[in-house]
Amino acid sequence: MTLKTAQSPMMMQWSHCKKKAKDALLLFRLGDFYEAFYDDAQRLSEAVDVTLTQRQGIPMSGVPAHAAEGYIEKLVEKGY
């Protein structure tokens, strides 16, 4: 995972949470979606077949909050 040196407050919060989560796939609530960033975005994209994109050079993927339970069930079934 490569972190940019100048992080937004939101990405600083994500980084703090990710340090606690360690190797767990971290889903971070942003509005109507649960988002994953960096390596977690790639893992989420592959595991549940969602689009991998990027914003400001940061890989990201996400699932709608209203449907998160179904995606989380799939992740748990796959060992996440």
Protein backbone atom coordinates (compact mmCIF):
# COMPACT_ATOMS: atom_id res chain seq x y z
CA MET A 1 0.00 0.00 0.00
CA THR A 2 1.45 3.34 -1.04
CA LEU A 3 0.11 6.36 0.81
CA LYS A 4 0.54 9.86 -0.55
CA THR A 5 2.43 12.20 1.75
CA ALA A 6 -0.30 14.88 1.87
CA GLN A 7 -3.53 13.19 2.93
CA SER A 8 -6.99 14.67 3.26
CA PRO A 9 -8.57 14.49 6.73
CA MET A 10 -10.80 11.65 5.50
CA MET A 11 -7.83 9.62 4.23
CA MET A 12 -5.99 10.32 7.47
CA GLN A 13 -8.97 8.83 9.32
CA TRP A 14 -9.00 5.86 6.93
CA SER A 15 -5.25 5.34 7.49
CA HIS A 16 -5.77 5.35 11.26
CA CYS A 17 -8.56 2.76 10.96
CA LYS A 18 -6.53 0.64 8.53
CA LYS A 19 -3.61 0.49 10.97
CA LYS A 20 -5.99 -0.98 13.55
CA ALA A 21 -7.59 -3.35 11.01
CA LYS A 22 -4.16 -4.62 9.81
CA ASP A 23 -4.74 -7.35 7.20
CA ALA A 24 -8.53 -7.26 7.43
CA LEU A 25 -10.40 -5.85 4.45
CA LEU A 26 -11.58 -2.44 5.63
CA LEU A 27 -14.90 -1.06 4.37
CA PHE A 28 -15.14 2.65 5.15
CA ARG A 29 -18.57 4.33 5.12
CA LEU A 30 -18.76 7.34 2.78
CA GLY A 31 -22.28 8.61 2.22
CA ASP A 32 -24.36 5.90 0.57
CA PHE A 33 -21.43 3.51 0.03
CA TYR A 34 -18.92 1.42 1.90
CA GLU A 35 -15.61 2.07 0.16
CA ALA A 36 -12.31 0.23 0.12
CA PHE A 37 -9.00 1.84 -0.86
CA TYR A 38 -5.58 0.74 -2.14
CA ASP A 39 -4.97 -3.04 -1.85
CA ASP A 40 -8.34 -3.52 -0.12
CA ALA A 41 -10.06 -2.02 -3.17
CA GLN A 42 -8.41 -4.60 -5.43
CA ARG A 43 -9.32 -7.43 -3.06
CA LEU A 44 -12.95 -6.24 -2.77
CA SER A 45 -13.26 -5.83 -6.52
CA GLU A 46 -12.05 -9.37 -7.19
CA ALA A 47 -13.94 -11.00 -4.32
CA VAL A 48 -17.43 -9.65 -5.06
CA ASP A 49 -17.08 -8.50 -8.68
CA VAL A 50 -17.45 -4.74 -8.21
CA THR A 51 -15.74 -2.09 -10.31
CA LEU A 52 -12.22 -1.04 -9.40
CA THR A 53 -11.69 2.64 -10.08
CA GLN A 54 -9.50 5.41 -8.79
CA ARG A 55 -9.74 8.99 -7.63
CA GLN A 56 -6.69 11.23 -7.38
CA GLY A 57 -4.51 8.21 -8.07
CA ILE A 58 -5.95 6.15 -5.20
CA PRO A 59 -7.50 2.79 -6.17
CA MET A 60 -11.01 2.41 -4.76
CA SER A 61 -14.07 0.21 -5.01
CA GLY A 62 -17.28 0.16 -3.07
CA VAL A 63 -20.68 -1.33 -2.43
CA PRO A 64 -23.98 0.47 -1.79
CA ALA A 65 -24.74 0.74 1.93
CA HIS A 66 -28.31 -0.52 1.43
CA ALA A 67 -26.93 -3.75 -0.09
CA ALA A 68 -23.82 -4.11 2.10
CA GLU A 69 -25.13 -7.07 4.09
CA GLY A 70 -25.25 -9.28 0.99
CA TYR A 71 -21.74 -8.28 -0.04
CA ILE A 72 -20.44 -8.83 3.49
CA GLU A 73 -21.97 -12.31 3.52
CA LYS A 74 -20.10 -13.11 0.29
CA LEU A 75 -16.86 -11.77 1.78
CA VAL A 76 -17.28 -13.85 4.94
CA GLU A 77 -17.99 -16.95 2.86
CA LYS A 78 -14.69 -16.31 1.05
CA GLY A 79 -12.77 -16.01 4.32
CA TYR A 80 -12.57 -12.22 4.72
